[in-house]
Amino acid sequence: MSLATEAHRWERWAWVLATLPAVAVLGVAFGLPLLQSLVASFVREGRVTLENYAIVARLYGRDVLYTLGVAGAGVTLTFGAGIHLAGYLRLRAWPWVEFLLKVPLFVPFVVTGHAMRVFLQPSGTLALALSAVGLVPSGARLGIGEGWLGLVLALTWKHLALVVLLLVGAFRGVDDSYLEAAQGFGAGILRQIWAVLVPMSATSLALATVLTLTSMLASFSIPLLMSRGSGPQMLMVDLYYRFGQHGDFGVASALGVVSYVMASGAVYAYLRSVAR
C-alpha cells in the first residue's frame, strides 16, 4: 500500500470521527424521539393496534388535506415570487432590495404570526389602509386573515427571504456567457430567467422546494396565532392540542408519523431527482 493511499484512508477515518459527535446528537435528539413516536402510534391502552390511525383518519382527515393544501399553495406562491425576484437580482444588481429581502430571516415565527394576524384581521391594518384610500367602504371587514389565504400569505412572507437567497446564489453560479448568448437571440429578462437560469439551477431549486415545503408542513406558531379556533387546522396545531390538552400521546404520535410521511415524500422526490 502506497503512502498516498494510506494517508487517504486515514483522512477518511478522521472525517468520520469528526462527524460522530454531530451524528450522535442527531440520533439522540431526533432518532430516538422518532422511534418512540413510531412505536407509540401503534399502541393504545397497552394493545398493539391501528386504532390511533383510525382516529386520525376520522377526526383529522380533513386537516391532513388542509395542511397539504396550505403548504402546497404557500410553496407555489413563494416560488412564483421568489424565482422572479432572484432572477432580477441576478440580472440587475439591487443591493438595497436584497438587503430588505433578508429582513424576514431575522423575524421569529411567533412575531410573524402576531404581525400577520394584526395586519390581516377583519378590522386590521390592511382593512384600515384600504378604507383610508377609498378602495373598500369604511368599516368593512376583510376576511383574508381568517381563512387559508391569510395563512398562505403569512407563510409565504416568512419563507420568501430564504428561497430568494438560495436561488440568487444558484443563479449567480450560472456563467454570464449563457445569459449573453440568450440576450444575443433577443431574450428579455423573463425569458433569461425561465430559459437559462431556472433549468441550470434545477438542483438548487429542488432543494429549496423541499426545505420550504417541509418547513411549511411543520409550521406551528403562525397557524396557532392566526387560527380562529374552529374549522380545519394545520396538523402541528392538532398535535399540540391532542397531546397538551387531551394527554393522548398515541394519537399525537400518529399525527406526527403522518407529518413525517408527508415530509418524507418531498425528500424522496428530491433524492430521486438528484440521483438522476
C-alpha atoms as a PDB file:
ATOM      1  CA  MET A   1       0.000   0.000   0.000  1.00  0.00           C
ATOM      2  CA  SER A   2       1.473   3.348  -1.046  1.00  0.00           C
ATOM      3  CA  LEU A   3       1.903   6.245   1.356  1.00  0.00           C
ATOM      4  CA  ALA A   4      -0.662   8.276  -0.580  1.00  0.00           C
ATOM      5  CA  THR A   5      -3.297   5.536  -0.265  1.00  0.00           C
ATOM      6  CA  GLU A   6      -2.555   5.118   3.445  1.00  0.00           C
ATOM      7  CA  ALA A   7      -2.828   8.881   4.013  1.00  0.00           C
ATOM      8  CA  HIS A   8      -6.126   8.968   2.121  1.00  0.00           C
ATOM      9  CA  ARG A   9      -7.526   6.129   4.258  1.00  0.00           C
ATOM     10  CA  TRP A  10      -6.566   7.887   7.500  1.00  0.00           C
ATOM     11  CA  GLU A  11      -8.048  11.103   6.184  1.00  0.00           C
ATOM     12  CA  ARG A  12     -11.377   9.389   5.608  1.00  0.00           C
ATOM     13  CA  TRP A  13     -11.358   7.947   9.134  1.00  0.00           C
ATOM     14  CA  ALA A  14     -10.512  11.363  10.515  1.00  0.00           C
ATOM     15  CA  TRP A  15     -13.565  12.831   8.802  1.00  0.00           C
ATOM     16  CA  VAL A  16     -15.721  10.000  10.153  1.00  0.00           C
ATOM     17  CA  LEU A  17     -14.520  10.694  13.687  1.00  0.00           C
ATOM     18  CA  ALA A  18     -15.108  14.427  13.220  1.00  0.00           C
ATOM     19  CA  THR A  19     -18.746  13.843  12.245  1.00  0.00           C
ATOM     20  CA  LEU A  20     -19.512  11.341  15.018  1.00  0.00           C
ATOM     21  CA  PRO A  21     -20.489  13.977  17.648  1.00  0.00           C
ATOM     22  CA  ALA A  22     -22.958  15.608  15.274  1.00  0.00           C
ATOM     23  CA  VAL A  23     -24.392  12.229  14.252  1.00  0.00           C
ATOM     24  CA  ALA A  24     -24.705  11.216  17.909  1.00  0.00           C
ATOM     25  CA  VAL A  25     -26.566  14.415  18.781  1.00  0.00           C
ATOM     26  CA  LEU A  26     -28.864  13.907  15.789  1.00  0.00           C
ATOM     27  CA  GLY A  27     -29.558  10.329  16.848  1.00  0.00           C
ATOM     28  CA  VAL A  28     -30.372  11.290  20.449  1.00  0.00           C
ATOM     29  CA  ALA A  29     -32.326  14.466  19.680  1.00  0.00           C
ATOM     30  CA  PHE A  30     -34.181  13.217  16.594  1.00  0.00           C
ATOM     31  CA  GLY A  31     -33.748   9.484  16.037  1.00  0.00           C
ATOM     32  CA  LEU A  32     -34.839   8.265  19.474  1.00  0.00           C
ATOM     33  CA  PRO A  33     -37.935  10.523  19.701  1.00  0.00           C
ATOM     34  CA  LEU A  34     -38.900   9.456  16.184  1.00  0.00           C
ATOM     35  CA  LEU A  35     -38.598   5.793  17.125  1.00  0.00           C
ATOM     36  CA  GLN A  36     -40.559   6.381  20.333  1.00  0.00           C
ATOM     37  CA  SER A  37     -43.324   8.185  18.441  1.00  0.00           C
ATOM     38  CA  LEU A  38     -43.452   5.443  15.802  1.00  0.00           C
ATOM     39  CA  VAL A  39     -43.848   2.737  18.442  1.00  0.00           C
ATOM     40  CA  ALA A  40     -46.399   4.743  20.464  1.00  0.00           C
ATOM     41  CA  SER A  41     -48.503   5.381  17.354  1.00  0.00           C
ATOM     42  CA  PHE A  42     -49.283   1.637  17.181  1.00  0.00           C
ATOM     43  CA  VAL A  43     -50.072   1.236  20.892  1.00  0.00           C
ATOM     44  CA  ARG A  44     -53.358   2.136  22.607  1.00  0.00           C
ATOM     45  CA  GLU A  45     -54.348   1.095  26.106  1.00  0.00           C
ATOM     46  CA  GLY A  46     -51.475  -1.362  26.165  1.00  0.00           C
ATOM     47  CA  ARG A  47     -52.512  -3.065  22.924  1.00  0.00           C
ATOM     48  CA  VAL A  48     -50.788  -3.094  19.556  1.00  0.00           C
ATOM     49  CA  THR A  49     -53.405  -1.673  17.226  1.00  0.00           C
ATOM     50  CA  LEU A  50     -54.118   0.688  14.350  1.00  0.00           C
ATOM     51  CA  GLU A  51     -56.783   2.483  16.365  1.00  0.00           C
ATOM     52  CA  ASN A  52     -54.693   5.665  16.689  1.00  0.00           C
ATOM     53  CA  TYR A  53     -54.502   5.961  12.916  1.00  0.00           C
ATOM     54  CA  ALA A  54     -58.235   5.242  12.643  1.00  0.00           C
ATOM     55  CA  ILE A  55     -58.861   8.173  14.986  1.00  0.00           C
ATOM     56  CA  VAL A  56     -56.571  10.361  12.887  1.00  0.00           C
ATOM     57  CA  ALA A  57     -58.453   9.391   9.727  1.00  0.00           C
ATOM     58  CA  ARG A  58     -61.838  10.025  11.347  1.00  0.00           C
ATOM     59  CA  LEU A  59     -61.125  13.248  13.212  1.00  0.00           C
ATOM     60  CA  TYR A  60     -58.228  14.797  11.322  1.00  0.00           C
ATOM     61  CA  GLY A  61     -58.544  13.559   7.740  1.00  0.00           C
ATOM     62  CA  ARG A  62     -59.756  16.969   6.585  1.00  0.00           C
ATOM     63  CA  ASP A  63     -56.884  18.638   8.452  1.00  0.00           C
ATOM     64  CA  VAL A  64     -54.363  16.443   6.607  1.00  0.00           C
ATOM     65  CA  LEU A  65     -55.738  17.672   3.287  1.00  0.00           C
ATOM     66  CA  TYR A  66     -55.894  21.235   4.612  1.00  0.00           C
ATOM     67  CA  THR A  67     -52.242  21.084   5.688  1.00  0.00           C
ATOM     68  CA  LEU A  68     -51.162  19.745   2.307  1.00  0.00           C
ATOM     69  CA  GLY A  69     -53.248  22.375   0.521  1.00  0.00           C
ATOM     70  CA  VAL A  70     -51.910  25.296   2.563  1.00  0.00           C
ATOM     71  CA  ALA A  71     -48.314  24.080   2.239  1.00  0.00           C
ATOM     72  CA  GLY A  72     -48.720  23.460  -1.494  1.00  0.00           C
ATOM     73  CA  ALA A  73     -50.271  26.881  -2.089  1.00  0.00           C
ATOM     74  CA  GLY A  74     -47.595  28.514   0.069  1.00  0.00           C
ATOM     75  CA  VAL A  75     -44.777  26.841  -1.847  1.00  0.00           C
ATOM     76  CA  THR A  76     -46.349  27.777  -5.193  1.00  0.00           C
ATOM     77  CA  LEU A  77     -46.769  31.428  -4.205  1.00  0.00           C
ATOM     78  CA  THR A  78     -43.326  31.595  -2.586  1.00  0.00           C
ATOM     79  CA  PHE A  79     -41.541  30.262  -5.650  1.00  0.00           C
ATOM     80  CA  GLY A  80     -43.738  32.198  -8.049  1.00  0.00           C
ATOM     81  CA  ALA A  81     -42.447  35.376  -6.421  1.00  0.00           C
ATOM     82  CA  GLY A  82     -39.023  34.067  -5.383  1.00  0.00           C
ATOM     83  CA  ILE A  83     -37.882  32.912  -8.812  1.00  0.00           C
ATOM     84  CA  HIS A  84     -38.653  36.287 -10.383  1.00  0.00           C
ATOM     85  CA  LEU A  85     -37.099  38.274  -7.524  1.00  0.00           C
ATOM     86  CA  ALA A  86     -33.963  36.134  -7.548  1.00  0.00           C
ATOM     87  CA  GLY A  87     -33.743  36.409 -11.343  1.00  0.00           C
ATOM     88  CA  TYR A  88     -33.999  40.188 -11.245  1.00  0.00           C
ATOM     89  CA  LEU A  89     -31.369  40.367  -8.504  1.00  0.00           C
ATOM     90  CA  ARG A  90     -29.083  38.181 -10.646  1.00  0.00           C
ATOM     91  CA  LEU A  91     -29.556  40.256 -13.773  1.00  0.00           C
ATOM     92  CA  ARG A  92     -29.877  43.664 -12.079  1.00  0.00           C
ATOM     93  CA  ALA A  93     -27.745  44.491  -9.035  1.00  0.00           C
ATOM     94  CA  TRP A  94     -30.085  45.955  -6.404  1.00  0.00           C
ATOM     95  CA  PRO A  95     -28.209  45.781  -3.063  1.00  0.00           C
ATOM     96  CA  TRP A  96     -30.927  47.565  -1.083  1.00  0.00           C
ATOM     97  CA  VAL A  97     -33.645  45.276  -2.371  1.00  0.00           C
ATOM     98  CA  GLU A  98     -31.526  42.253  -1.498  1.00  0.00           C
ATOM     99  CA  PHE A  99     -30.958  43.675   1.971  1.00  0.00           C
ATOM    100  CA  LEU A 100     -34.681  44.261   2.552  1.00  0.00           C
ATOM    101  CA  LEU A 101     -35.471  40.724   1.415  1.00  0.00           C
ATOM    102  CA  LYS A 102     -33.254  39.376   4.203  1.00  0.00           C
ATOM    103  CA  VAL A 103     -35.322  41.052   6.941  1.00  0.00           C
ATOM    104  CA  PRO A 104     -37.864  38.182   7.351  1.00  0.00           C
ATOM    105  CA  LEU A 105     -34.988  35.795   8.131  1.00  0.00           C
ATOM    106  CA  PHE A 106     -34.436  37.590  11.439  1.00  0.00           C
ATOM    107  CA  VAL A 107     -38.112  37.815  12.405  1.00  0.00           C
ATOM    108  CA  PRO A 108     -39.217  34.910  14.692  1.00  0.00           C
ATOM    109  CA  PHE A 109     -42.185  32.809  13.621  1.00  0.00           C
ATOM    110  CA  VAL A 110     -44.158  33.954  16.670  1.00  0.00           C
ATOM    111  CA  VAL A 111     -43.657  37.621  15.759  1.00  0.00           C
ATOM    112  CA  THR A 112     -44.625  36.902  12.151  1.00  0.00           C
ATOM    113  CA  GLY A 113     -47.833  35.174  13.237  1.00  0.00           C
ATOM    114  CA  HIS A 114     -48.841  38.016  15.541  1.00  0.00           C
ATOM    115  CA  ALA A 115     -47.949  40.704  12.988  1.00  0.00           C
ATOM    116  CA  MET A 116     -49.891  38.989  10.207  1.00  0.00           C
ATOM    117  CA  ARG A 117     -52.880  38.460  12.485  1.00  0.00           C
ATOM    118  CA  VAL A 118     -52.969  42.190  13.256  1.00  0.00           C
ATOM    119  CA  PHE A 119     -52.322  43.138   9.625  1.00  0.00           C
ATOM    120  CA  LEU A 120     -54.858  40.789   8.004  1.00  0.00           C
ATOM    121  CA  GLN A 121     -57.625  40.567  10.578  1.00  0.00           C
ATOM    122  CA  PRO A 122     -61.105  41.832   9.509  1.00  0.00           C
ATOM    123  CA  SER A 123     -60.567  45.276  11.051  1.00  0.00           C
ATOM    124  CA  GLY A 124     -56.781  45.210  10.939  1.00  0.00           C
ATOM    125  CA  THR A 125     -54.113  47.388   9.397  1.00  0.00           C
ATOM    126  CA  LEU A 126     -54.805  46.308   5.814  1.00  0.00           C
ATOM    127  CA  ALA A 127     -58.545  46.972   6.111  1.00  0.00           C
ATOM    128  CA  LEU A 128     -57.935  50.405   7.627  1.00  0.00           C
ATOM    129  CA  ALA A 129     -55.383  51.312   4.925  1.00  0.00           C
ATOM    130  CA  LEU A 130     -57.685  50.241   2.074  1.00  0.00           C
ATOM    131  CA  SER A 131     -60.561  52.107   3.687  1.00  0.00           C
ATOM    132  CA  ALA A 132     -58.440  55.259   4.038  1.00  0.00           C
ATOM    133  CA  VAL A 133     -57.733  55.365   0.286  1.00  0.00           C
ATOM    134  CA  GLY A 134     -61.303  54.528  -0.622  1.00  0.00           C
ATOM    135  CA  LEU A 135     -60.749  51.044  -2.048  1.00  0.00           C
ATOM    136  CA  VAL A 136     -63.169  49.473   0.443  1.00  0.00           C
ATOM    137  CA  PRO A 137     -66.079  51.022   2.366  1.00  0.00           C
ATOM    138  CA  SER A 138     -65.345  52.500   5.767  1.00  0.00           C
ATOM    139  CA  GLY A 139     -65.718  49.884   8.488  1.00  0.00           C
ATOM    140  CA  ALA A 140     -65.580  46.993   6.018  1.00  0.00           C
ATOM    141  CA  ARG A 141     -64.381  43.703   7.473  1.00  0.00           C
ATOM    142  CA  LEU A 142     -61.913  41.822   5.307  1.00  0.00           C
ATOM    143  CA  GLY A 143     -61.845  38.083   5.830  1.00  0.00           C
ATOM    144  CA  ILE A 144     -58.365  37.419   4.450  1.00  0.00           C
ATOM    145  CA  GLY A 145     -56.746  36.710   7.795  1.00  0.00           C
ATOM    146  CA  GLU A 146     -59.490  34.359   8.970  1.00  0.00           C
ATOM    147  CA  GLY A 147     -59.039  31.635   6.370  1.00  0.00           C
ATOM    148  CA  TRP A 148     -56.444  29.674   4.497  1.00  0.00           C
ATOM    149  CA  LEU A 149     -55.461  32.632   2.308  1.00  0.00           C
ATOM    150  CA  GLY A 150     -54.150  34.671   5.230  1.00  0.00           C
ATOM    151  CA  LEU A 151     -52.166  31.678   6.450  1.00  0.00           C
ATOM    152  CA  VAL A 152     -50.681  31.149   2.979  1.00  0.00           C
ATOM    153  CA  LEU A 153     -49.682  34.825   2.757  1.00  0.00           C
ATOM    154  CA  ALA A 154     -48.063  34.715   6.207  1.00  0.00           C
ATOM    155  CA  LEU A 155     -46.085  31.551   5.433  1.00  0.00           C
ATOM    156  CA  THR A 156     -45.054  32.968   2.057  1.00  0.00           C
ATOM    157  CA  TRP A 157     -43.744  36.188   3.601  1.00  0.00           C
ATOM    158  CA  LYS A 158     -41.759  34.259   6.185  1.00  0.00           C
ATOM    159  CA  HIS A 159     -40.163  31.818   3.727  1.00  0.00           C
ATOM    160  CA  LEU A 160     -39.642  34.135   0.761  1.00  0.00           C
ATOM    161  CA  ALA A 161     -36.318  35.515   2.011  1.00  0.00           C
ATOM    162  CA  LEU A 162     -34.736  32.069   2.382  1.00  0.00           C
ATOM    163  CA  VAL A 163     -35.931  30.976  -1.048  1.00  0.00           C
ATOM    164  CA  VAL A 164     -34.645  34.137  -2.723  1.00  0.00           C
ATOM    165  CA  LEU A 165     -31.225  33.861  -1.072  1.00  0.00           C
ATOM    166  CA  LEU A 166     -30.879  30.201  -2.076  1.00  0.00           C
ATOM    167  CA  LEU A 167     -31.906  30.912  -5.655  1.00  0.00           C
ATOM    168  CA  VAL A 168     -29.789  34.046  -6.007  1.00  0.00           C
ATOM    169  CA  GLY A 169     -26.737  32.016  -5.006  1.00  0.00           C
ATOM    170  CA  ALA A 170     -27.616  29.333  -7.552  1.00  0.00           C
ATOM    171  CA  PHE A 171     -28.383  31.854 -10.305  1.00  0.00           C
ATOM    172  CA  ARG A 172     -25.083  33.631  -9.719  1.00  0.00           C
ATOM    173  CA  GLY A 173     -23.332  30.345 -10.344  1.00  0.00           C
ATOM    174  CA  VAL A 174     -24.595  30.389 -13.940  1.00  0.00           C
ATOM    175  CA  ASP A 175     -21.889  31.673 -16.268  1.00  0.00           C
ATOM    176  CA  ASP A 176     -22.560  35.054 -17.867  1.00  0.00           C
ATOM    177  CA  SER A 177     -21.803  33.645 -21.309  1.00  0.00           C
ATOM    178  CA  TYR A 178     -25.110  31.746 -21.324  1.00  0.00           C
ATOM    179  CA  LEU A 179     -27.042  34.896 -20.488  1.00  0.00           C
ATOM    180  CA  GLU A 180     -25.141  36.884 -23.095  1.00  0.00           C
ATOM    181  CA  ALA A 181     -25.983  34.241 -25.697  1.00  0.00           C
ATOM    182  CA  ALA A 182     -29.660  34.446 -24.749  1.00  0.00           C
ATOM    183  CA  GLN A 183     -29.531  38.234 -24.989  1.00  0.00           C
ATOM    184  CA  GLY A 184     -27.977  37.877 -28.426  1.00  0.00           C
ATOM    185  CA  PHE A 185     -31.061  35.976 -29.557  1.00  0.00           C
ATOM    186  CA  GLY A 186     -33.284  38.750 -28.218  1.00  0.00           C
ATOM    187  CA  ALA A 187     -34.316  37.158 -24.908  1.00  0.00           C
ATOM    188  CA  GLY A 188     -35.708  39.583 -22.359  1.00  0.00           C
ATOM    189  CA  ILE A 189     -35.358  39.337 -18.598  1.00  0.00           C
ATOM    190  CA  LEU A 190     -38.224  36.884 -18.101  1.00  0.00           C
ATOM    191  CA  ARG A 191     -37.022  34.652 -20.939  1.00  0.00           C
ATOM    192  CA  GLN A 192     -33.497  34.632 -19.500  1.00  0.00           C
ATOM    193  CA  ILE A 193     -34.860  33.648 -16.083  1.00  0.00           C
ATOM    194  CA  TRP A 194     -37.044  30.773 -17.303  1.00  0.00           C
ATOM    195  CA  ALA A 195     -34.981  29.550 -20.255  1.00  0.00           C
ATOM    196  CA  VAL A 196     -31.486  29.849 -18.759  1.00  0.00           C
ATOM    197  CA  LEU A 197     -31.340  30.443 -15.009  1.00  0.00           C
ATOM    198  CA  VAL A 198     -34.093  28.081 -13.852  1.00  0.00           C
ATOM    199  CA  PRO A 199     -33.070  24.998 -15.910  1.00  0.00           C
ATOM    200  CA  MET A 200     -29.392  25.424 -14.998  1.00  0.00           C
ATOM    201  CA  SER A 201     -30.250  25.711 -11.291  1.00  0.00           C
ATOM    202  CA  ALA A 202     -32.654  22.784 -11.125  1.00  0.00           C
ATOM    203  CA  THR A 203     -30.853  21.010  -8.262  1.00  0.00           C
ATOM    204  CA  SER A 204     -30.789  24.099  -6.050  1.00  0.00           C
ATOM    205  CA  LEU A 205     -34.408  24.807  -6.959  1.00  0.00           C
ATOM    206  CA  ALA A 206     -35.418  21.288  -5.923  1.00  0.00           C
ATOM    207  CA  LEU A 207     -33.535  21.603  -2.630  1.00  0.00           C
ATOM    208  CA  ALA A 208     -35.158  24.955  -1.863  1.00  0.00           C
ATOM    209  CA  THR A 209     -38.567  23.461  -2.656  1.00  0.00           C
ATOM    210  CA  VAL A 210     -38.044  20.574  -0.232  1.00  0.00           C
ATOM    211  CA  LEU A 211     -36.791  22.867   2.547  1.00  0.00           C
ATOM    212  CA  THR A 212     -39.723  25.230   2.096  1.00  0.00           C
ATOM    213  CA  LEU A 213     -42.370  22.512   1.856  1.00  0.00           C
ATOM    214  CA  THR A 214     -41.156  20.618   4.923  1.00  0.00           C
ATOM    215  CA  SER A 215     -40.931  23.854   6.898  1.00  0.00           C
ATOM    216  CA  MET A 216     -44.486  24.830   5.965  1.00  0.00           C
ATOM    217  CA  LEU A 217     -45.804  21.363   6.802  1.00  0.00           C
ATOM    218  CA  ALA A 218     -44.196  21.690  10.241  1.00  0.00           C
ATOM    219  CA  SER A 219     -45.442  25.234  10.870  1.00  0.00           C
ATOM    220  CA  PHE A 220     -46.911  25.699  14.330  1.00  0.00           C
ATOM    221  CA  SER A 221     -46.551  29.240  15.696  1.00  0.00           C
ATOM    222  CA  ILE A 222     -48.032  31.058  12.700  1.00  0.00           C
ATOM    223  CA  PRO A 223     -51.059  28.731  12.256  1.00  0.00           C
ATOM    224  CA  LEU A 224     -51.719  28.736  16.014  1.00  0.00           C
ATOM    225  CA  LEU A 225     -51.680  32.536  16.272  1.00  0.00           C
ATOM    226  CA  MET A 226     -53.796  33.018  13.143  1.00  0.00           C
ATOM    227  CA  SER A 227     -56.240  30.222  13.941  1.00  0.00           C
ATOM    228  CA  ARG A 228     -59.905  31.019  14.514  1.00  0.00           C
ATOM    229  CA  GLY A 229     -60.260  28.084  16.901  1.00  0.00           C
ATOM    230  CA  SER A 230     -62.734  26.378  14.562  1.00  0.00           C
ATOM    231  CA  GLY A 231     -62.672  24.807  11.133  1.00  0.00           C
ATOM    232  CA  PRO A 232     -59.704  22.921   9.656  1.00  0.00           C
ATOM    233  CA  GLN A 233     -56.316  23.310  11.314  1.00  0.00           C
ATOM    234  CA  MET A 234     -52.700  22.598  10.443  1.00  0.00           C
ATOM    235  CA  LEU A 235     -51.521  19.221  11.734  1.00  0.00           C
ATOM    236  CA  MET A 236     -48.976  20.660  14.156  1.00  0.00           C
ATOM    237  CA  VAL A 237     -51.771  22.577  15.890  1.00  0.00           C
ATOM    238  CA  ASP A 238     -53.813  19.367  16.091  1.00  0.00           C
ATOM    239  CA  LEU A 239     -50.832  17.526  17.530  1.00  0.00           C
ATOM    240  CA  TYR A 240     -50.315  20.234  20.152  1.00  0.00           C
ATOM    241  CA  TYR A 241     -53.923  20.147  21.334  1.00  0.00           C
ATOM    242  CA  ARG A 242     -54.158  16.350  21.205  1.00  0.00           C
ATOM    243  CA  PHE A 243     -51.170  15.921  23.491  1.00  0.00           C
ATOM    244  CA  GLY A 244     -51.260  19.142  25.512  1.00  0.00           C
ATOM    245  CA  GLN A 245     -54.990  19.212  26.297  1.00  0.00           C
ATOM    246  CA  HIS A 246     -56.157  15.622  25.849  1.00  0.00           C
ATOM    247  CA  GLY A 247     -52.947  13.918  27.008  1.00  0.00           C
ATOM    248  CA  ASP A 248     -53.372  11.414  24.185  1.00  0.00           C
ATOM    249  CA  PHE A 249     -49.788  10.519  23.281  1.00  0.00           C
ATOM    250  CA  GLY A 250     -50.850   7.673  20.975  1.00  0.00           C
ATOM    251  CA  VAL A 251     -52.964   9.788  18.602  1.00  0.00           C
ATOM    252  CA  ALA A 252     -50.476  12.668  18.858  1.00  0.00           C
ATOM    253  CA  SER A 253     -47.719  10.238  17.815  1.00  0.00           C
ATOM    254  CA  ALA A 254     -49.842   9.027  14.893  1.00  0.00           C
ATOM    255  CA  LEU A 255     -50.310  12.646  13.777  1.00  0.00           C
ATOM    256  CA  GLY A 256     -46.551  13.109  13.985  1.00  0.00           C
ATOM    257  CA  VAL A 257     -45.916   9.993  11.902  1.00  0.00           C
ATOM    258  CA  VAL A 258     -48.381  11.208   9.264  1.00  0.00           C
ATOM    259  CA  SER A 259     -46.478  14.512   9.164  1.00  0.00           C
ATOM    260  CA  TYR A 260     -43.192  12.642   8.797  1.00  0.00           C
ATOM    261  CA  VAL A 261     -44.602  10.634   5.905  1.00  0.00           C
ATOM    262  CA  MET A 262     -45.800  13.764   4.099  1.00  0.00           C
ATOM    263  CA  ALA A 263     -42.409  15.455   4.524  1.00  0.00           C
ATOM    264  CA  SER A 264     -40.542  12.273   3.580  1.00  0.00           C
ATOM    265  CA  GLY A 265     -42.424  12.164   0.279  1.00  0.00           C
ATOM    266  CA  ALA A 266     -40.929  15.505  -0.703  1.00  0.00           C
ATOM    267  CA  VAL A 267     -37.460  14.424   0.433  1.00  0.00           C
ATOM    268  CA  TYR A 268     -37.739  11.165  -1.528  1.00  0.00           C
ATOM    269  CA  ALA A 269     -38.731  13.021  -4.689  1.00  0.00           C
ATOM    270  CA  TYR A 270     -35.738  15.338  -4.255  1.00  0.00           C
ATOM    271  CA  LEU A 271     -33.300  12.451  -3.736  1.00  0.00           C
ATOM    272  CA  ARG A 272     -34.610  10.711  -6.845  1.00  0.00           C
ATOM    273  CA  SER A 273     -34.190  13.874  -8.905  1.00  0.00           C
ATOM    274  CA  VAL A 274     -30.617  14.247  -7.662  1.00  0.00           C
ATOM    275  CA  ALA A 275     -29.831  10.588  -8.358  1.00  0.00           C
ATOM    276  CA  ARG A 276     -30.911  11.008 -11.970  1.00  0.00           C
END
